Amino acid sequence: MPHAPPLGALLRQYAAGSALACDPVDQGLLNRGYRLRTTRGRYFLKHHFDPETAAPEAIARQHGATQRLAALGVPVAPPLPAHDGRTVAVVGGHAYALHPWIEGRHRHGAQLTAEQCGRLGALLGVVHASLERVMPVEGCEQGEKSASTRGGARTDEGAPDSEPRTPSGAGTSDRRRLAPPGEGVPDDRHRARAARSAPGAERAASTRHATAPAHGARAGKPHAGHPHVHTGTAPPVDAGADPAATFALIDDLLARVRGHRPADSFDELARHRLLERRSLLEQHLGRRPPHSGPVGWVHGDFHPFNLLYRGDAPAAIVDWDRLGVKPRAEEAVRAAAIFFVRPAGTLDLPKVRAYARAYRRTAGATPSELAAAVHRVWWERLNDFWMLRWHYERGDTRADSQFPAASALVVWWTREYEAVCDAFVG
């Protein structure tokens, strides 16, 4: 078995019996998981392999959060303590954790009824509200400070945190103007609708305002033929993804596509989507979002493969590796864009509406908060290419199957922007 964990040394630290079988679990892009059967029962053994999330203190923080959430009745799978009471076992320089095996299956939005979509949104709202209860307020303050320092927490469309990174120094010397009337977010119609939906409603005083996500786009000067975007000074810390960096990344990826031999159907689709995205970005430069919304502790990676169902009910939210302080409403929008995307790259808007209404109710989020988050996640996806970067920079094809729908979604989302926003705020 490749990358076999040191079962003997590990199990001696737990009251879990002796190993009978250990099989890798296929899902997961960051860390490694194993279905472990011992003389005492069945377990999930997690090897925290990704260097950006494998620090023992970070894992212990995740474990503490899930233990406290479980005490509140949130469906999670907290780790089992070792003989010494610790939940992180370090063997040979590698960090492991042992969890109870949760029997269940993953369900995409297409497999959920409208009522179940509402329960899904309510669940995420409960997670956010519960994290606010069990996690330290100073973490939110530190998260805000850290985000400001680095230009925001990266929250690309489901991309693992270990995606290729490049410097991101390009900015806007004129601190880019806000979008003119009719182009900004949320627009006047959505502001008015949000005000009617929740008169006087505001987030709790404990929330903070975050800076924008820093995306995977590379910094660089605009190439010939691109709209002029000033570079040379740092962008506002609360600005969305820098289009100058995105144009440079598109050019780099197009060069990699041209140089790939033998050319295949993936190269053809990648070239088409890159050229299409460049054109879309040129058309919508004035819609760069100015700031993010209230932040708080979030799961950080809420999607179908991190939620187990037993029958019709959620049994466990798993994989808390990206637990952190980020814009909460943006996690809600980003999750919906993954759960409810159809193979052709459209969203099932009636299901989104049921999900978003329930989320707003349980999280205490306002319609205007969701409208702003819709715009930021749309802009994020317009500028994001993590799947292509994995394919062409790393030679890692594990996300290739997601690319057709994900790349089509941003085109449809741009065309149906008003309908998408209505689904989240209506």
Protein backbone atom coordinates (compact mmCIF):
# COMPACT_ATOMS: atom_id res chain seq x y z
CA MET A 1 0.00 0.00 0.00
CA PRO A 2 1.60 3.36 -1.02
CA HIS A 3 2.35 5.77 1.82
CA ALA A 4 1.32 3.15 4.38
CA PRO A 5 0.97 4.70 7.84
CA PRO A 6 3.05 3.25 10.70
CA LEU A 7 0.12 1.39 12.23
CA GLY A 8 2.03 -0.38 14.97
CA ALA A 9 3.60 2.76 16.38
CA LEU A 10 0.35 4.68 16.01
CA LEU A 11 -2.02 2.19 17.57
CA ARG A 12 0.25 1.71 20.59
CA GLN A 13 -0.68 5.29 21.50
CA TYR A 14 -4.42 4.52 21.51
CA ALA A 15 -6.80 2.06 23.14
CA ALA A 16 -7.93 0.98 19.68
CA GLY A 17 -6.71 -2.59 19.46
CA SER A 18 -4.53 -4.11 16.76
CA ALA A 19 -4.85 -3.44 13.04
CA LEU A 20 -6.72 -5.96 10.90
CA ALA A 21 -7.06 -3.93 7.67
CA CYS A 22 -6.18 -0.46 6.46
CA ASP A 23 -7.38 0.85 3.09
CA PRO A 24 -6.86 4.30 1.55
CA VAL A 25 -9.91 6.54 1.12
CA ASP A 26 -9.94 7.98 -2.39
CA GLN A 27 -11.44 11.42 -1.82
CA GLY A 28 -9.29 14.29 -0.66
CA LEU A 29 -6.79 16.58 -2.36
CA LEU A 30 -4.82 17.84 0.63
CA ASN A 31 -4.37 15.04 3.14
CA ARG A 32 -4.51 11.25 3.22
CA GLY A 33 -7.22 9.21 4.83
CA TYR A 34 -7.55 5.52 5.64
CA ARG A 35 -10.39 3.20 6.55
CA LEU A 36 -8.92 1.34 9.51
CA ARG A 37 -10.36 -1.87 10.98
CA THR A 38 -8.92 -3.14 14.24
CA THR A 39 -9.74 -5.72 16.90
CA ARG A 40 -11.72 -2.97 18.66
CA GLY A 41 -13.76 -1.62 15.73
CA ARG A 42 -13.63 0.69 12.70
CA TYR A 43 -11.90 4.05 12.54
CA PHE A 44 -10.89 6.81 10.17
CA LEU A 45 -7.16 7.45 10.30
CA LYS A 46 -6.10 10.82 8.95
CA HIS A 47 -2.56 11.62 7.88
CA HIS A 48 -2.18 15.39 7.95
CA PHE A 49 0.14 15.53 4.99
CA ASP A 50 -0.27 19.01 3.49
CA PRO A 51 2.53 21.21 4.89
CA GLU A 52 0.31 24.29 5.15
CA THR A 53 -2.23 22.61 7.43
CA ALA A 54 -0.16 19.91 9.17
CA ALA A 55 1.31 21.89 12.08
CA PRO A 56 0.33 19.98 15.26
CA GLU A 57 -0.86 23.15 17.00
CA ALA A 58 -3.16 24.00 14.07
CA ILE A 59 -4.54 20.46 14.05
CA ALA A 60 -5.12 20.63 17.81
CA ARG A 61 -7.07 23.87 17.30
CA GLN A 62 -9.28 22.15 14.72
CA HIS A 63 -9.80 19.24 17.09
CA GLY A 64 -10.76 21.54 19.96
CA ALA A 65 -13.28 23.29 17.74
CA THR A 66 -14.97 20.05 16.69
CA GLN A 67 -15.08 18.82 20.29
CA ARG A 68 -16.84 21.99 21.39
CA LEU A 69 -19.17 21.91 18.40
CA ALA A 70 -20.11 18.31 19.19
CA ALA A 71 -21.06 19.39 22.69
CA LEU A 72 -23.51 21.86 21.10
CA GLY A 73 -25.05 19.09 18.99
CA VAL A 74 -23.43 20.01 15.66
CA PRO A 75 -22.87 16.85 13.57
CA VAL A 76 -19.09 16.43 13.55
CA ALA A 77 -16.62 13.59 14.19
CA PRO A 78 -14.18 14.73 16.89
CA PRO A 79 -10.89 12.86 17.16
CA LEU A 80 -10.24 10.18 19.74
CA PRO A 81 -7.72 10.96 22.49
CA ALA A 82 -4.55 8.93 22.82
CA HIS A 83 -3.36 7.46 26.14
CA ASP A 84 -1.76 10.81 27.02
CA GLY A 85 -4.97 12.70 26.27
CA ARG A 86 -3.63 14.32 23.11
CA THR A 87 -5.51 14.09 19.83
CA VAL A 88 -2.51 14.53 17.52
CA ALA A 89 -0.02 11.67 17.23
CA VAL A 90 3.34 12.51 15.67
CA VAL A 91 5.29 9.54 14.33
CA GLY A 92 8.40 9.89 12.22
CA GLY A 93 7.78 13.61 11.85
CA HIS A 94 4.26 13.07 10.45
CA ALA A 95 1.03 14.09 12.18
CA TYR A 96 -1.91 11.68 12.46
CA ALA A 97 -5.33 11.70 14.08
CA LEU A 98 -7.73 8.86 14.79
CA HIS A 99 -11.47 9.47 14.38
CA PRO A 100 -14.51 7.25 14.77
CA TRP A 101 -15.66 5.78 11.49
CA ILE A 102 -18.87 7.52 10.38
CA GLU A 103 -21.02 5.40 8.11
CA GLY A 104 -22.60 7.55 5.42
CA ARG A 105 -22.37 8.86 1.89
CA HIS A 106 -21.79 12.13 0.14
CA ARG A 107 -24.71 13.84 -1.58
CA HIS A 108 -24.58 16.53 -4.25
CA GLY A 109 -27.28 19.18 -4.54
CA ALA A 110 -28.93 17.28 -7.38
CA GLN A 111 -29.67 14.49 -4.87
CA LEU A 112 -31.35 16.83 -2.39
CA THR A 113 -34.98 17.92 -2.30
CA ALA A 114 -35.85 21.58 -1.79
CA GLU A 115 -36.54 20.85 1.88
CA GLN A 116 -33.17 19.14 2.26
CA CYS A 117 -31.49 22.13 0.59
CA GLY A 118 -33.03 24.29 3.28
CA ARG A 119 -31.68 21.95 5.94
CA LEU A 120 -28.25 22.20 4.33
CA GLY A 121 -28.29 26.01 4.46
CA ALA A 122 -29.56 25.91 8.02
CA LEU A 123 -26.75 23.53 8.95
CA LEU A 124 -24.07 25.89 7.64
CA GLY A 125 -25.74 28.77 9.45
CA VAL A 126 -25.68 26.76 12.68
CA VAL A 127 -22.00 26.00 12.11
CA HIS A 128 -21.17 29.69 11.75
CA ALA A 129 -23.29 30.73 14.73
CA SER A 130 -21.88 27.90 16.86
CA LEU A 131 -18.28 28.69 15.95
CA GLU A 132 -18.91 32.24 17.09
CA ARG A 133 -19.87 30.79 20.48
CA VAL A 134 -17.00 28.35 20.92
CA MET A 135 -14.03 30.06 19.27
CA PRO A 136 -12.10 32.96 20.79
CA VAL A 137 -13.01 36.51 19.78
CA GLU A 138 -9.31 37.37 19.69
CA GLY A 139 -9.00 34.89 16.84
CA CYS A 140 -11.33 37.07 14.80
CA GLU A 141 -9.27 40.13 15.63
CA GLN A 142 -6.04 38.36 14.72
CA GLY A 143 -7.65 37.01 11.55
CA GLU A 144 -8.57 40.54 10.53
CA LYS A 145 -5.07 41.79 11.22
CA SER A 146 -3.45 38.90 9.33
CA ALA A 147 -5.77 39.32 6.37
CA SER A 148 -4.97 43.01 6.20
CA THR A 149 -1.26 42.29 6.32
CA ARG A 150 -1.30 39.79 3.48
CA GLY A 151 -4.07 41.33 1.39
CA GLY A 152 -6.80 38.96 2.52
CA ALA A 153 -7.36 35.27 3.01
CA ARG A 154 -7.34 33.22 -0.18
CA THR A 155 -10.71 31.65 -0.85
CA ASP A 156 -10.64 30.33 -4.39
CA GLU A 157 -13.39 28.10 -5.76
CA GLY A 158 -12.78 25.11 -3.55
CA ALA A 159 -9.05 25.09 -4.21
CA PRO A 160 -6.84 23.44 -1.61
CA ASP A 161 -4.58 25.86 0.24
CA SER A 162 -1.52 24.24 -1.28
CA GLU A 163 -2.18 25.50 -4.79
CA PRO A 164 0.78 27.06 -6.65
CA ARG A 165 1.57 30.49 -5.28
CA THR A 166 3.37 33.42 -6.82
CA PRO A 167 4.16 36.92 -5.59
CA SER A 168 1.24 39.30 -5.68
CA GLY A 169 2.59 42.82 -5.61
CA ALA A 170 0.80 44.40 -8.55
CA GLY A 171 -1.77 46.94 -7.55
CA THR A 172 -3.52 50.10 -8.55
CA SER A 173 -1.76 53.40 -8.14
CA ASP A 174 -5.05 55.25 -8.28
CA ARG A 175 -6.72 52.87 -5.79
CA ARG A 176 -9.16 51.78 -8.46
CA ARG A 177 -12.42 53.63 -8.69
CA LEU A 178 -15.63 52.08 -7.51
CA ALA A 179 -17.89 50.80 -10.24
CA PRO A 180 -20.19 53.41 -11.77
CA PRO A 181 -23.95 53.20 -11.22
CA GLY A 182 -25.34 50.04 -12.73
CA GLU A 183 -22.03 48.18 -12.42
CA GLY A 184 -21.35 48.08 -8.69
CA VAL A 185 -22.39 45.58 -6.08
CA PRO A 186 -24.83 45.30 -4.64
CA ASP A 187 -26.69 47.52 -7.08
CA ASP A 188 -29.40 49.93 -5.96
CA ARG A 189 -32.18 47.45 -6.65
CA HIS A 190 -30.58 44.78 -4.49
CA ARG A 191 -29.78 47.30 -1.74
CA ALA A 192 -33.39 48.40 -1.69
CA ARG A 193 -34.63 44.83 -1.68
CA ALA A 194 -32.25 43.89 1.10
CA ALA A 195 -33.42 46.84 3.18
CA ARG A 196 -37.05 45.82 2.70
CA SER A 197 -36.25 42.21 3.61
CA ALA A 198 -34.43 43.05 6.83
CA PRO A 199 -35.14 46.59 8.01
CA GLY A 200 -32.55 47.72 10.50
CA ALA A 201 -30.95 44.29 10.71
CA GLU A 202 -27.21 44.30 11.24
CA ARG A 203 -24.60 41.75 12.19
CA ALA A 204 -23.75 41.23 15.83
CA ALA A 205 -21.25 43.65 17.27
CA SER A 206 -18.69 40.88 17.61
CA THR A 207 -18.22 40.60 13.85
CA ARG A 208 -15.36 42.33 12.11
CA HIS A 209 -14.84 43.45 8.54
CA ALA A 210 -12.32 41.45 6.59
CA THR A 211 -10.08 42.24 3.74
CA ALA A 212 -10.55 40.66 0.36
CA PRO A 213 -9.44 37.20 -0.67
CA ALA A 214 -6.03 37.08 -2.29
CA HIS A 215 -6.37 34.84 -5.30
CA GLY A 216 -4.01 32.62 -7.20
CA ALA A 217 -3.49 35.12 -10.02
CA ARG A 218 0.05 36.24 -10.62
CA ALA A 219 1.13 39.83 -10.34
CA GLY A 220 2.50 41.56 -13.39
CA LYS A 221 2.11 44.44 -15.77
CA PRO A 222 -0.63 44.37 -18.39
CA HIS A 223 0.46 42.87 -21.67
CA ALA A 224 -0.07 44.53 -25.00
CA GLY A 225 -3.69 44.62 -26.00
CA HIS A 226 -4.98 44.46 -22.44
CA PRO A 227 -6.97 47.29 -20.89
CA HIS A 228 -4.65 49.61 -18.99
CA VAL A 229 -4.53 48.72 -15.32
CA HIS A 230 -2.05 50.71 -13.26
CA THR A 231 0.58 48.72 -11.40
CA GLY A 232 3.46 49.53 -9.15
CA THR A 233 1.97 50.21 -5.72
CA ALA A 234 0.24 47.92 -3.28
CA PRO A 235 -3.53 47.58 -3.85
CA PRO A 236 -5.99 48.55 -1.16
CA VAL A 237 -5.93 45.76 1.39
CA ASP A 238 -9.68 45.30 1.00
CA ALA A 239 -9.80 45.10 -2.80
CA GLY A 240 -10.83 42.01 -4.73
CA ALA A 241 -8.55 40.03 -7.03
CA ASP A 242 -6.26 42.25 -9.11
CA PRO A 243 -7.16 42.01 -12.82
CA ALA A 244 -3.63 43.02 -13.84
CA ALA A 245 -2.33 39.89 -12.15
CA THR A 246 -5.09 37.84 -13.77
CA PHE A 247 -4.23 39.05 -17.28
CA ALA A 248 -0.60 38.05 -16.70
CA LEU A 249 -1.66 34.64 -15.44
CA ILE A 250 -3.94 34.09 -18.44
CA ASP A 251 -1.04 34.85 -20.80
CA ASP A 252 1.21 32.46 -18.91
CA LEU A 253 -1.38 29.68 -18.97
CA LEU A 254 -2.07 30.19 -22.67
CA ALA A 255 1.66 29.78 -23.34
CA ARG A 256 1.66 26.56 -21.33
CA VAL A 257 -1.38 25.28 -23.25
CA ARG A 258 0.33 26.02 -26.58
CA GLY A 259 3.47 24.23 -25.44
CA HIS A 260 1.73 21.08 -24.24
CA ARG A 261 2.39 18.10 -26.51
CA PRO A 262 0.62 16.14 -27.66
CA ALA A 263 -2.32 18.54 -27.56
CA ASP A 264 -5.55 17.00 -26.31
CA SER A 265 -9.19 17.89 -25.69
CA PHE A 266 -8.40 19.36 -22.28
CA ASP A 267 -5.93 21.76 -23.91
CA GLU A 268 -8.60 22.81 -26.39
CA LEU A 269 -11.14 23.52 -23.65
CA ALA A 270 -8.55 25.31 -21.53
CA ARG A 271 -7.57 27.61 -24.40
CA HIS A 272 -11.22 28.40 -25.16
CA ARG A 273 -12.01 29.20 -21.52
CA LEU A 274 -8.88 31.32 -21.04
CA LEU A 275 -9.64 33.48 -24.07
CA GLU A 276 -13.28 33.71 -23.05
CA ARG A 277 -12.37 34.69 -19.48
CA ARG A 278 -9.97 37.37 -20.69
CA SER A 279 -12.73 38.89 -22.76
CA LEU A 280 -15.17 38.79 -19.84
CA LEU A 281 -12.66 40.40 -17.52
CA GLU A 282 -11.99 43.17 -20.03
CA GLN A 283 -15.73 43.88 -20.12
CA HIS A 284 -16.15 43.96 -16.34
CA LEU A 285 -13.02 45.70 -15.05
CA GLY A 286 -15.12 48.36 -13.37
CA ARG A 287 -16.87 45.81 -11.15
CA ARG A 288 -13.94 44.92 -8.92
CA PRO A 289 -15.46 44.67 -5.41
CA PRO A 290 -14.19 47.27 -2.96
CA HIS A 291 -14.35 45.35 0.32
CA SER A 292 -15.43 42.21 2.06
CA GLY A 293 -18.17 41.61 4.60
CA PRO A 294 -18.28 40.59 8.26
CA VAL A 295 -15.85 37.85 9.18
CA GLY A 296 -15.97 35.07 11.71
CA TRP A 297 -14.77 31.53 12.22
CA VAL A 298 -15.74 29.31 9.28
CA HIS A 299 -15.23 25.68 8.25
CA GLY A 300 -13.30 26.92 5.24
CA ASP A 301 -14.03 24.05 2.86
CA PHE A 302 -17.75 23.26 3.05
CA HIS A 303 -18.64 21.11 0.02
CA PRO A 304 -20.26 17.72 -0.77
CA PHE A 305 -17.15 15.63 -0.10
CA ASN A 306 -16.80 17.13 3.37
CA LEU A 307 -20.35 16.30 4.46
CA LEU A 308 -21.58 12.77 5.16
CA TYR A 309 -25.26 11.87 5.08
CA ARG A 310 -26.89 8.95 6.83
CA GLY A 311 -30.18 8.50 5.05
CA ASP A 312 -31.69 11.96 4.53
CA ALA A 313 -29.95 13.65 7.45
CA PRO A 314 -26.42 15.04 7.73
CA ALA A 315 -24.31 12.72 9.88
CA ALA A 316 -20.98 14.54 10.05
CA ILE A 317 -19.14 17.56 8.71
CA VAL A 318 -15.53 16.45 8.23
CA ASP A 319 -12.14 17.83 7.18
CA TRP A 320 -11.73 21.01 9.21
CA ASP A 321 -8.21 21.67 7.91
CA ARG A 322 -9.12 25.13 6.62
CA LEU A 323 -10.86 26.31 9.77
CA GLY A 324 -10.15 30.01 10.02
CA VAL A 325 -11.43 33.56 10.24
CA LYS A 326 -12.90 34.58 6.90
CA PRO A 327 -16.02 36.27 5.47
CA ARG A 328 -18.89 34.03 6.54
CA ALA A 329 -21.41 34.95 3.86
CA GLU A 330 -18.81 34.24 1.19
CA GLU A 331 -18.41 30.68 2.49
CA ALA A 332 -22.19 30.30 2.17
CA VAL A 333 -22.16 31.50 -1.44
CA ARG A 334 -19.08 29.50 -2.34
CA ALA A 335 -20.57 26.33 -0.91
CA ALA A 336 -23.79 26.82 -2.87
CA ALA A 337 -21.81 27.26 -6.07
CA ILE A 338 -20.30 23.81 -5.48
CA PHE A 339 -23.35 21.96 -4.16
CA PHE A 340 -25.81 23.27 -6.73
CA VAL A 341 -23.76 23.54 -9.92
CA ARG A 342 -25.13 21.41 -12.75
CA PRO A 343 -22.91 19.55 -15.25
CA ALA A 344 -23.57 22.21 -17.90
CA GLY A 345 -22.25 24.94 -15.60
CA THR A 346 -25.51 26.47 -14.35
CA LEU A 347 -26.89 26.75 -10.82
CA ASP A 348 -30.15 25.20 -9.66
CA LEU A 349 -31.55 28.53 -8.49
CA PRO A 350 -34.73 27.26 -6.77
CA LYS A 351 -32.56 25.06 -4.57
CA VAL A 352 -30.12 27.92 -4.00
CA ARG A 353 -33.04 30.07 -2.84
CA ALA A 354 -34.21 27.45 -0.31
CA TYR A 355 -30.65 27.00 0.95
CA ALA A 356 -29.92 30.74 1.22
CA ARG A 357 -33.13 31.58 3.07
CA ALA A 358 -32.40 28.95 5.69
CA TYR A 359 -28.77 30.05 5.98
CA ARG A 360 -29.74 33.70 6.52
CA ARG A 361 -32.22 32.71 9.19
CA THR A 362 -29.87 30.52 11.26
CA ALA A 363 -26.70 32.59 10.76
CA GLY A 364 -28.41 35.93 11.31
CA ALA A 365 -27.05 37.19 7.98
CA THR A 366 -28.80 40.02 6.17
CA PRO A 367 -29.83 39.95 2.50
CA SER A 368 -27.44 42.81 1.77
CA GLU A 369 -24.60 40.76 3.26
CA LEU A 370 -25.44 37.89 0.90
CA ALA A 371 -25.74 40.23 -2.09
CA ALA A 372 -22.25 41.60 -1.46
CA ALA A 373 -20.91 38.06 -0.99
CA VAL A 374 -22.45 36.95 -4.30
CA HIS A 375 -20.56 39.70 -6.05
CA ARG A 376 -17.25 38.93 -4.38
CA VAL A 377 -17.45 35.21 -5.12
CA TRP A 378 -18.44 35.95 -8.73
CA TRP A 379 -15.40 38.22 -9.07
CA GLU A 380 -13.24 35.62 -7.35
CA ARG A 381 -14.26 32.99 -9.88
CA LEU A 382 -13.83 35.39 -12.78
CA ASN A 383 -10.17 35.76 -11.75
CA ASP A 384 -9.45 32.23 -10.56
CA PHE A 385 -7.64 29.43 -12.41
CA TRP A 386 -6.48 27.03 -9.72
CA MET A 387 -7.57 23.94 -11.64
CA LEU A 388 -5.56 24.96 -14.70
CA ARG A 389 -2.58 25.83 -12.54
CA TRP A 390 -2.65 22.39 -10.99
CA HIS A 391 -2.85 20.82 -14.45
CA TYR A 392 -0.18 22.88 -16.24
CA GLU A 393 2.17 23.99 -13.46
CA ARG A 394 2.11 20.86 -11.31
CA GLY A 395 1.11 18.18 -13.76
CA ASP A 396 -1.60 17.27 -11.24
CA THR A 397 -4.80 16.19 -13.01
CA ARG A 398 -6.94 15.28 -10.00
CA ALA A 399 -9.17 18.35 -10.43
CA ASP A 400 -9.53 18.03 -14.23
CA SER A 401 -12.98 16.47 -14.01
CA GLN A 402 -14.29 19.56 -12.19
CA PHE A 403 -13.03 22.03 -14.78
CA PRO A 404 -15.75 21.81 -17.48
CA ALA A 405 -18.61 22.70 -15.13
CA ALA A 406 -16.60 25.15 -13.00
CA SER A 407 -15.29 27.07 -16.01
CA ALA A 408 -18.72 27.24 -17.62
CA LEU A 409 -20.33 28.43 -14.40
CA VAL A 410 -18.61 31.81 -14.30
CA VAL A 411 -19.74 32.55 -17.87
CA TRP A 412 -23.35 31.68 -17.05
CA TRP A 413 -23.14 33.51 -13.71
CA THR A 414 -22.00 36.67 -15.49
CA ARG A 415 -24.90 36.47 -17.91
CA GLU A 416 -27.46 35.63 -15.19
CA TYR A 417 -25.99 37.84 -12.48
CA GLU A 418 -29.29 39.39 -11.41
CA ALA A 419 -31.07 36.04 -11.18
CA VAL A 420 -28.26 34.56 -9.10
CA CYS A 421 -28.30 37.51 -6.72
CA ASP A 422 -32.09 37.30 -6.43
CA ALA A 423 -31.81 33.61 -5.45
CA PHE A 424 -29.51 34.45 -2.55
CA VAL A 425 -31.38 37.49 -1.23
CA GLY A 426 -35.02 36.64 -2.07
